[in-house]
Amino acid sequence: MLSKYNVLFDREGKHLLYNSLSNSFVELSDEMSDALRNMIERNEVDPNADKDLLDMLRQIKAIDVDDEYEIRKVKFHVINGRFDKT
C-alpha cells in the first residue's frame, strides 16, 4: 500500500519524493521516479519493481503502510506535544 502522505515532484531537473508523515526527503533516479509514478497512477505497489527502490520506499515509510496506524501515530504526536513541558 502506498502512503497517502507522499509528494512526488520535479525541481531543477531532479525527481524528489517527500513523505510528510515520516518527514523524509529523497532524490530519485529517472527510472525510480517513473516506477513510482506508475505505482501512484495504479494506486498499488509493484512487487516486481527494482529491489533498491522498494527497500528505500519502505525505509522512509512511503509504502507498506497501514492507514489506521498512520492516523494513530499522527494523533499521538499531536496529543503528546500538548503535554510536553520542554
PDB file of N, CA and C in Angstrom:
ATOM      1  N   MET A   1       0.835  -1.166   0.000  1.00  0.00           N
ATOM      2  CA  MET A   1       0.000   0.000   0.000  1.00  0.00           C
ATOM      3  C   MET A   1       0.888   1.240   0.000  1.00  0.00           C
ATOM      4  N   LEU A   2       0.498   2.226  -0.773  1.00  0.00           N
ATOM      5  CA  LEU A   2       1.229   3.485  -0.837  1.00  0.00           C
ATOM      6  C   LEU A   2       0.745   4.422   0.264  1.00  0.00           C
ATOM      7  N   SER A   3       1.666   5.172   0.834  1.00  0.00           N
ATOM      8  CA  SER A   3       1.295   6.168   1.828  1.00  0.00           C
ATOM      9  C   SER A   3       0.608   7.330   1.126  1.00  0.00           C
ATOM     10  N   LYS A   4      -0.449   7.829   1.753  1.00  0.00           N
ATOM     11  CA  LYS A   4      -1.123   8.994   1.172  1.00  0.00           C
ATOM     12  C   LYS A   4      -0.390  10.288   1.515  1.00  0.00           C
ATOM     13  N   TYR A   5       0.713  10.170   2.240  1.00  0.00           N
ATOM     14  CA  TYR A   5       1.495  11.336   2.626  1.00  0.00           C
ATOM     15  C   TYR A   5       2.694  11.556   1.709  1.00  0.00           C
ATOM     16  N   ASN A   6       2.749  10.855   0.586  1.00  0.00           N
ATOM     17  CA  ASN A   6       3.828  11.011  -0.389  1.00  0.00           C
ATOM     18  C   ASN A   6       3.554  12.207  -1.300  1.00  0.00           C
ATOM     19  N   VAL A   7       4.599  12.970  -1.563  1.00  0.00           N
ATOM     20  CA  VAL A   7       4.527  14.071  -2.521  1.00  0.00           C
ATOM     21  C   VAL A   7       5.703  13.878  -3.475  1.00  0.00           C
ATOM     22  N   LEU A   8       5.400  13.568  -4.720  1.00  0.00           N
ATOM     23  CA  LEU A   8       6.427  13.341  -5.738  1.00  0.00           C
ATOM     24  C   LEU A   8       6.431  14.540  -6.676  1.00  0.00           C
ATOM     25  N   PHE A   9       7.607  15.141  -6.868  1.00  0.00           N
ATOM     26  CA  PHE A   9       7.675  16.311  -7.740  1.00  0.00           C
ATOM     27  C   PHE A   9       9.059  16.434  -8.361  1.00  0.00           C
ATOM     28  N   ASP A  10       9.139  17.281  -9.394  1.00  0.00           N
ATOM     29  CA  ASP A  10      10.408  17.558 -10.076  1.00  0.00           C
ATOM     30  C   ASP A  10      10.804  19.000  -9.782  1.00  0.00           C
ATOM     31  N   ARG A  11      12.091  19.182  -9.541  1.00  0.00           N
ATOM     32  CA  ARG A  11      12.596  20.538  -9.287  1.00  0.00           C
ATOM     33  C   ARG A  11      14.035  20.611  -9.778  1.00  0.00           C
ATOM     34  N   GLU A  12      14.292  21.603 -10.606  1.00  0.00           N
ATOM     35  CA  GLU A  12      15.636  21.834 -11.149  1.00  0.00           C
ATOM     36  C   GLU A  12      16.212  20.570 -11.774  1.00  0.00           C
ATOM     37  N   GLY A  13      15.378  19.850 -12.509  1.00  0.00           N
ATOM     38  CA  GLY A  13      15.818  18.657 -13.217  1.00  0.00           C
ATOM     39  C   GLY A  13      15.990  17.422 -12.350  1.00  0.00           C
ATOM     40  N   LYS A  14      15.579  17.490 -11.081  1.00  0.00           N
ATOM     41  CA  LYS A  14      15.711  16.359 -10.174  1.00  0.00           C
ATOM     42  C   LYS A  14      14.326  15.844  -9.801  1.00  0.00           C
ATOM     43  N   HIS A  15      14.228  14.532  -9.603  1.00  0.00           N
ATOM     44  CA  HIS A  15      12.991  13.903  -9.159  1.00  0.00           C
ATOM     45  C   HIS A  15      13.077  13.740  -7.646  1.00  0.00           C
ATOM     46  N   LEU A  16      12.126  14.312  -6.938  1.00  0.00           N
ATOM     47  CA  LEU A  16      12.171  14.309  -5.483  1.00  0.00           C
ATOM     48  C   LEU A  16      10.903  13.702  -4.908  1.00  0.00           C
ATOM     49  N   LEU A  17      11.066  12.995  -3.794  1.00  0.00           N
ATOM     50  CA  LEU A  17       9.938  12.416  -3.082  1.00  0.00           C
ATOM     51  C   LEU A  17      10.012  12.878  -1.639  1.00  0.00           C
ATOM     52  N   TYR A  18       8.897  13.427  -1.171  1.00  0.00           N
ATOM     53  CA  TYR A  18       8.792  13.840   0.226  1.00  0.00           C
ATOM     54  C   TYR A  18       7.646  13.072   0.862  1.00  0.00           C
ATOM     55  N   ASN A  19       7.888  12.494   2.029  1.00  0.00           N
ATOM     56  CA  ASN A  19       6.828  11.849   2.787  1.00  0.00           C
ATOM     57  C   ASN A  19       6.625  12.697   4.030  1.00  0.00           C
ATOM     58  N   SER A  20       5.460  13.345   4.107  1.00  0.00           N
ATOM     59  CA  SER A  20       5.223  14.302   5.191  1.00  0.00           C
ATOM     60  C   SER A  20       5.022  13.634   6.545  1.00  0.00           C
ATOM     61  N   LEU A  21       4.620  12.384   6.575  1.00  0.00           N
ATOM     62  CA  LEU A  21       4.435  11.722   7.862  1.00  0.00           C
ATOM     63  C   LEU A  21       5.773  11.361   8.501  1.00  0.00           C
ATOM     64  N   SER A  22       6.677  10.802   7.721  1.00  0.00           N
ATOM     65  CA  SER A  22       7.990  10.437   8.260  1.00  0.00           C
ATOM     66  C   SER A  22       8.994  11.587   8.139  1.00  0.00           C
ATOM     67  N   ASN A  23       8.577  12.676   7.476  1.00  0.00           N
ATOM     68  CA  ASN A  23       9.428  13.841   7.246  1.00  0.00           C
ATOM     69  C   ASN A  23      10.705  13.438   6.516  1.00  0.00           C
ATOM     70  N   SER A  24      10.554  12.563   5.524  1.00  0.00           N
ATOM     71  CA  SER A  24      11.685  12.057   4.750  1.00  0.00           C
ATOM     72  C   SER A  24      11.687  12.676   3.359  1.00  0.00           C
ATOM     73  N   PHE A  25      12.895  12.966   2.880  1.00  0.00           N
ATOM     74  CA  PHE A  25      13.082  13.593   1.576  1.00  0.00           C
ATOM     75  C   PHE A  25      14.149  12.795   0.838  1.00  0.00           C
ATOM     76  N   VAL A  26      13.865  12.320  -0.378  1.00  0.00           N
ATOM     77  CA  VAL A  26      14.853  11.577  -1.159  1.00  0.00           C
ATOM     78  C   VAL A  26      14.834  12.024  -2.616  1.00  0.00           C
ATOM     79  N   GLU A  27      15.998  11.895  -3.235  1.00  0.00           N
ATOM     80  CA  GLU A  27      16.117  12.150  -4.669  1.00  0.00           C
ATOM     81  C   GLU A  27      16.053  10.805  -5.385  1.00  0.00           C
ATOM     82  N   LEU A  28      15.279  10.742  -6.467  1.00  0.00           N
ATOM     83  CA  LEU A  28      15.092   9.509  -7.220  1.00  0.00           C
ATOM     84  C   LEU A  28      15.740   9.616  -8.595  1.00  0.00           C
ATOM     85  N   SER A  29      16.228   8.497  -9.086  1.00  0.00           N
ATOM     86  CA  SER A  29      16.728   8.447 -10.466  1.00  0.00           C
ATOM     87  C   SER A  29      15.529   8.518 -11.408  1.00  0.00           C
ATOM     88  N   ASP A  30      15.793   8.701 -12.696  1.00  0.00           N
ATOM     89  CA  ASP A  30      14.707   8.739 -13.685  1.00  0.00           C
ATOM     90  C   ASP A  30      13.898   7.442 -13.648  1.00  0.00           C
ATOM     91  N   GLU A  31      14.601   6.319 -13.586  1.00  0.00           N
ATOM     92  CA  GLU A  31      13.922   5.020 -13.591  1.00  0.00           C
ATOM     93  C   GLU A  31      13.068   4.834 -12.338  1.00  0.00           C
ATOM     94  N   MET A  32      13.618   5.217 -11.177  1.00  0.00           N
ATOM     95  CA  MET A  32      12.870   5.084  -9.925  1.00  0.00           C
ATOM     96  C   MET A  32      11.648   5.998  -9.915  1.00  0.00           C
ATOM     97  N   SER A  33      11.825   7.204 -10.422  1.00  0.00           N
ATOM     98  CA  SER A  33      10.709   8.149 -10.477  1.00  0.00           C
ATOM     99  C   SER A  33       9.593   7.619 -11.380  1.00  0.00           C
ATOM    100  N   ASP A  34       9.968   7.097 -12.543  1.00  0.00           N
ATOM    101  CA  ASP A  34       8.970   6.534 -13.462  1.00  0.00           C
ATOM    102  C   ASP A  34       8.229   5.369 -12.819  1.00  0.00           C
ATOM    103  N   ALA A  35       8.974   4.495 -12.144  1.00  0.00           N
ATOM    104  CA  ALA A  35       8.354   3.337 -11.495  1.00  0.00           C
ATOM    105  C   ALA A  35       7.387   3.786 -10.397  1.00  0.00           C
ATOM    106  N   LEU A  36       7.797   4.770  -9.607  1.00  0.00           N
ATOM    107  CA  LEU A  36       6.932   5.257  -8.532  1.00  0.00           C
ATOM    108  C   LEU A  36       5.703   5.968  -9.098  1.00  0.00           C
ATOM    109  N   ARG A  37       5.880   6.739 -10.149  1.00  0.00           N
ATOM    110  CA  ARG A  37       4.721   7.401 -10.776  1.00  0.00           C
ATOM    111  C   ARG A  37       3.712   6.362 -11.274  1.00  0.00           C
ATOM    112  N   ASN A  38       4.211   5.273 -11.850  1.00  0.00           N
ATOM    113  CA  ASN A  38       3.312   4.206 -12.304  1.00  0.00           C
ATOM    114  C   ASN A  38       2.564   3.585 -11.124  1.00  0.00           C
ATOM    115  N   MET A  39       3.259   3.385 -10.016  1.00  0.00           N
ATOM    116  CA  MET A  39       2.600   2.833  -8.832  1.00  0.00           C
ATOM    117  C   MET A  39       1.521   3.782  -8.314  1.00  0.00           C
ATOM    118  N   ILE A  40       1.835   5.071  -8.310  1.00  0.00           N
ATOM    119  CA  ILE A  40       0.869   6.066  -7.836  1.00  0.00           C
ATOM    120  C   ILE A  40      -0.357   6.091  -8.749  1.00  0.00           C
ATOM    121  N   GLU A  41      -0.139   6.048 -10.058  1.00  0.00           N
ATOM    122  CA  GLU A  41      -1.268   6.043 -11.005  1.00  0.00           C
ATOM    123  C   GLU A  41      -2.159   4.825 -10.809  1.00  0.00           C
ATOM    124  N   ARG A  42      -1.562   3.666 -10.535  1.00  0.00           N
ATOM    125  CA  ARG A  42      -2.337   2.435 -10.330  1.00  0.00           C
ATOM    126  C   ARG A  42      -2.795   2.276  -8.886  1.00  0.00           C
ATOM    127  N   ASN A  43      -2.241   3.111  -8.005  1.00  0.00           N
ATOM    128  CA  ASN A  43      -2.534   3.077  -6.573  1.00  0.00           C
ATOM    129  C   ASN A  43      -2.231   1.707  -5.969  1.00  0.00           C
ATOM    130  N   GLU A  44      -1.111   1.135  -6.412  1.00  0.00           N
ATOM    131  CA  GLU A  44      -0.663  -0.126  -5.837  1.00  0.00           C
ATOM    132  C   GLU A  44       0.843  -0.266  -6.015  1.00  0.00           C
ATOM    133  N   VAL A  45       1.447  -0.951  -5.087  1.00  0.00           N
ATOM    134  CA  VAL A  45       2.890  -1.205  -5.136  1.00  0.00           C
ATOM    135  C   VAL A  45       3.151  -2.334  -6.121  1.00  0.00           C
ATOM    136  N   ASP A  46       4.133  -2.118  -6.992  1.00  0.00           N
ATOM    137  CA  ASP A  46       4.532  -3.142  -7.959  1.00  0.00           C
ATOM    138  C   ASP A  46       5.578  -4.044  -7.314  1.00  0.00           C
ATOM    139  N   PRO A  47       5.213  -5.292  -6.997  1.00  0.00           N
ATOM    140  CA  PRO A  47       6.177  -6.182  -6.339  1.00  0.00           C
ATOM    141  C   PRO A  47       7.370  -6.534  -7.232  1.00  0.00           C
ATOM    142  N   ASN A  48       7.262  -6.275  -8.534  1.00  0.00           N
ATOM    143  CA  ASN A  48       8.355  -6.563  -9.470  1.00  0.00           C
ATOM    144  C   ASN A  48       9.269  -5.367  -9.703  1.00  0.00           C
ATOM    145  N   ALA A  49       9.013  -4.267  -8.993  1.00  0.00           N
ATOM    146  CA  ALA A  49       9.838  -3.069  -9.143  1.00  0.00           C
ATOM    147  C   ALA A  49      11.240  -3.342  -8.604  1.00  0.00           C
ATOM    148  N   ASP A  50      12.162  -2.471  -8.948  1.00  0.00           N
ATOM    149  CA  ASP A  50      13.554  -2.577  -8.511  1.00  0.00           C
ATOM    150  C   ASP A  50      13.633  -2.747  -6.995  1.00  0.00           C
ATOM    151  N   LYS A  51      14.391  -3.731  -6.532  1.00  0.00           N
ATOM    152  CA  LYS A  51      14.504  -4.021  -5.098  1.00  0.00           C
ATOM    153  C   LYS A  51      15.044  -2.837  -4.313  1.00  0.00           C
ATOM    154  N   ASP A  52      16.014  -2.124  -4.868  1.00  0.00           N
ATOM    155  CA  ASP A  52      16.572  -0.962  -4.172  1.00  0.00           C
ATOM    156  C   ASP A  52      15.502   0.116  -3.971  1.00  0.00           C
ATOM    157  N   LEU A  53      14.664   0.316  -4.989  1.00  0.00           N
ATOM    158  CA  LEU A  53      13.578   1.294  -4.883  1.00  0.00           C
ATOM    159  C   LEU A  53      12.606   0.872  -3.784  1.00  0.00           C
ATOM    160  N   LEU A  54      12.177  -0.377  -3.800  1.00  0.00           N
ATOM    161  CA  LEU A  54      11.218  -0.845  -2.801  1.00  0.00           C
ATOM    162  C   LEU A  54      11.798  -0.760  -1.393  1.00  0.00           C
ATOM    163  N   ASP A  55      13.070  -1.123  -1.232  1.00  0.00           N
ATOM    164  CA  ASP A  55      13.712  -1.037   0.087  1.00  0.00           C
ATOM    165  C   ASP A  55      13.762   0.407   0.577  1.00  0.00           C
ATOM    166  N   MET A  56      14.134   1.312  -0.304  1.00  0.00           N
ATOM    167  CA  MET A  56      14.217   2.724   0.073  1.00  0.00           C
ATOM    168  C   MET A  56      12.831   3.263   0.422  1.00  0.00           C
ATOM    169  N   LEU A  57      11.809   2.905  -0.357  1.00  0.00           N
ATOM    170  CA  LEU A  57      10.450   3.372  -0.081  1.00  0.00           C
ATOM    171  C   LEU A  57       9.931   2.833   1.250  1.00  0.00           C
ATOM    172  N   ARG A  58      10.275   1.595   1.569  1.00  0.00           N
ATOM    173  CA  ARG A  58       9.888   1.035   2.873  1.00  0.00           C
ATOM    174  C   ARG A  58      10.598   1.770   4.007  1.00  0.00           C
ATOM    175  N   GLN A  59      11.864   2.073   3.799  1.00  0.00           N
ATOM    176  CA  GLN A  59      12.661   2.718   4.836  1.00  0.00           C
ATOM    177  C   GLN A  59      12.083   4.087   5.209  1.00  0.00           C
ATOM    178  N   ILE A  60      11.598   4.832   4.239  1.00  0.00           N
ATOM    179  CA  ILE A  60      11.057   6.161   4.543  1.00  0.00           C
ATOM    180  C   ILE A  60       9.551   6.127   4.767  1.00  0.00           C
ATOM    181  N   LYS A  61       9.003   4.938   4.854  1.00  0.00           N
ATOM    182  CA  LYS A  61       7.569   4.736   5.132  1.00  0.00           C
ATOM    183  C   LYS A  61       6.670   5.270   4.013  1.00  0.00           C
ATOM    184  N   ALA A  62       7.147   5.147   2.769  1.00  0.00           N
ATOM    185  CA  ALA A  62       6.362   5.588   1.617  1.00  0.00           C
ATOM    186  C   ALA A  62       5.477   4.466   1.071  1.00  0.00           C
ATOM    187  N   ILE A  63       5.797   3.215   1.415  1.00  0.00           N
ATOM    188  CA  ILE A  63       4.979   2.069   1.008  1.00  0.00           C
ATOM    189  C   ILE A  63       4.844   1.106   2.181  1.00  0.00           C
ATOM    190  N   ASP A  64       3.962   0.134   1.999  1.00  0.00           N
ATOM    191  CA  ASP A  64       3.703  -0.895   3.012  1.00  0.00           C
ATOM    192  C   ASP A  64       3.300  -0.267   4.342  1.00  0.00           C
ATOM    193  N   VAL A  65       2.382   0.658   4.249  1.00  0.00           N
ATOM    194  CA  VAL A  65       1.911   1.351   5.448  1.00  0.00           C
ATOM    195  C   VAL A  65       0.445   1.012   5.704  1.00  0.00           C
ATOM    196  N   ASP A  66       0.067   1.151   6.944  1.00  0.00           N
ATOM    197  CA  ASP A  66      -1.303   0.918   7.373  1.00  0.00           C
ATOM    198  C   ASP A  66      -1.918   2.282   7.683  1.00  0.00           C
ATOM    199  N   ASP A  67      -2.974   2.659   6.958  1.00  0.00           N
ATOM    200  CA  ASP A  67      -3.594   3.969   7.153  1.00  0.00           C
ATOM    201  C   ASP A  67      -4.005   4.202   8.600  1.00  0.00           C
ATOM    202  N   GLU A  68      -4.589   3.199   9.215  1.00  0.00           N
ATOM    203  CA  GLU A  68      -5.038   3.350  10.599  1.00  0.00           C
ATOM    204  C   GLU A  68      -3.846   3.617  11.517  1.00  0.00           C
ATOM    205  N   TYR A  69      -2.749   2.918  11.293  1.00  0.00           N
ATOM    206  CA  TYR A  69      -1.545   3.138  12.088  1.00  0.00           C
ATOM    207  C   TYR A  69      -1.022   4.556  11.884  1.00  0.00           C
ATOM    208  N   GLU A  70      -1.000   5.022  10.643  1.00  0.00           N
ATOM    209  CA  GLU A  70      -0.524   6.373  10.358  1.00  0.00           C
ATOM    210  C   GLU A  70      -1.370   7.403  11.090  1.00  0.00           C
ATOM    211  N   ILE A  71      -2.679   7.229  11.074  1.00  0.00           N
ATOM    212  CA  ILE A  71      -3.582   8.173  11.736  1.00  0.00           C
ATOM    213  C   ILE A  71      -3.329   8.177  13.245  1.00  0.00           C
ATOM    214  N   ARG A  72      -3.204   6.990  13.831  1.00  0.00           N
ATOM    215  CA  ARG A  72      -2.943   6.914  15.273  1.00  0.00           C
ATOM    216  C   ARG A  72      -1.605   7.544  15.628  1.00  0.00           C
ATOM    217  N   LYS A  73      -0.610   7.364  14.781  1.00  0.00           N
ATOM    218  CA  LYS A  73       0.711   7.930  15.043  1.00  0.00           C
ATOM    219  C   LYS A  73       0.655   9.464  15.027  1.00  0.00           C
ATOM    220  N   VAL A  74      -0.036  10.039  14.060  1.00  0.00           N
ATOM    221  CA  VAL A  74      -0.170  11.496  13.985  1.00  0.00           C
ATOM    222  C   VAL A  74      -0.917  12.008  15.216  1.00  0.00           C
ATOM    223  N   LYS A  75      -2.012  11.358  15.577  1.00  0.00           N
ATOM    224  CA  LYS A  75      -2.772  11.771  16.763  1.00  0.00           C
ATOM    225  C   LYS A  75      -1.908  11.715  18.018  1.00  0.00           C
ATOM    226  N   PHE A  76      -1.116  10.657  18.151  1.00  0.00           N
ATOM    227  CA  PHE A  76      -0.245  10.517  19.316  1.00  0.00           C
ATOM    228  C   PHE A  76       0.720  11.694  19.413  1.00  0.00           C
ATOM    229  N   HIS A  77       1.361  12.041  18.300  1.00  0.00           N
ATOM    230  CA  HIS A  77       2.335  13.123  18.315  1.00  0.00           C
ATOM    231  C   HIS A  77       1.679  14.466  18.627  1.00  0.00           C
ATOM    232  N   VAL A  78       0.484  14.684  18.117  1.00  0.00           N
ATOM    233  CA  VAL A  78      -0.228  15.931  18.385  1.00  0.00           C
ATOM    234  C   VAL A  78      -0.596  16.022  19.863  1.00  0.00           C
ATOM    235  N   ILE A  79      -1.188  14.959  20.391  1.00  0.00           N
ATOM    236  CA  ILE A  79      -1.607  14.947  21.789  1.00  0.00           C
ATOM    237  C   ILE A  79      -0.398  14.990  22.721  1.00  0.00           C
ATOM    238  N   ASN A  80       0.617  14.210  22.414  1.00  0.00           N
ATOM    239  CA  ASN A  80       1.823  14.201  23.227  1.00  0.00           C
ATOM    240  C   ASN A  80       2.482  15.580  23.263  1.00  0.00           C
ATOM    241  N   GLY A  81       2.471  16.282  22.145  1.00  0.00           N
ATOM    242  CA  GLY A  81       3.056  17.615  22.083  1.00  0.00           C
ATOM    243  C   GLY A  81       2.349  18.620  22.979  1.00  0.00           C
ATOM    244  N   ARG A  82       1.077  18.404  23.226  1.00  0.00           N
ATOM    245  CA  ARG A  82       0.325  19.313  24.106  1.00  0.00           C
ATOM    246  C   ARG A  82       0.798  19.238  25.542  1.00  0.00           C
ATOM    247  N   PHE A  83       1.317  18.087  25.940  1.00  0.00           N
ATOM    248  CA  PHE A  83       1.709  17.890  27.327  1.00  0.00           C
ATOM    249  C   PHE A  83       3.218  17.915  27.529  1.00  0.00           C
ATOM    250  N   ASP A  84       3.962  18.167  26.487  1.00  0.00           N
ATOM    251  CA  ASP A  84       5.424  18.230  26.568  1.00  0.00           C
ATOM    252  C   ASP A  84       5.815  19.566  27.171  1.00  0.00           C
ATOM    253  N   LYS A  85       6.480  19.542  28.324  1.00  0.00           N
ATOM    254  CA  LYS A  85       6.817  20.775  29.035  1.00  0.00           C
ATOM    255  C   LYS A  85       8.197  21.308  28.678  1.00  0.00           C
ATOM    256  N   THR A  86       8.914  20.629  27.764  1.00  0.00           N
ATOM    257  CA  THR A  86      10.254  21.092  27.416  1.00  0.00           C
ATOM    258  C   THR A  86      10.202  22.136  26.344  1.00  0.00           C
TER     259      THR A  86
END
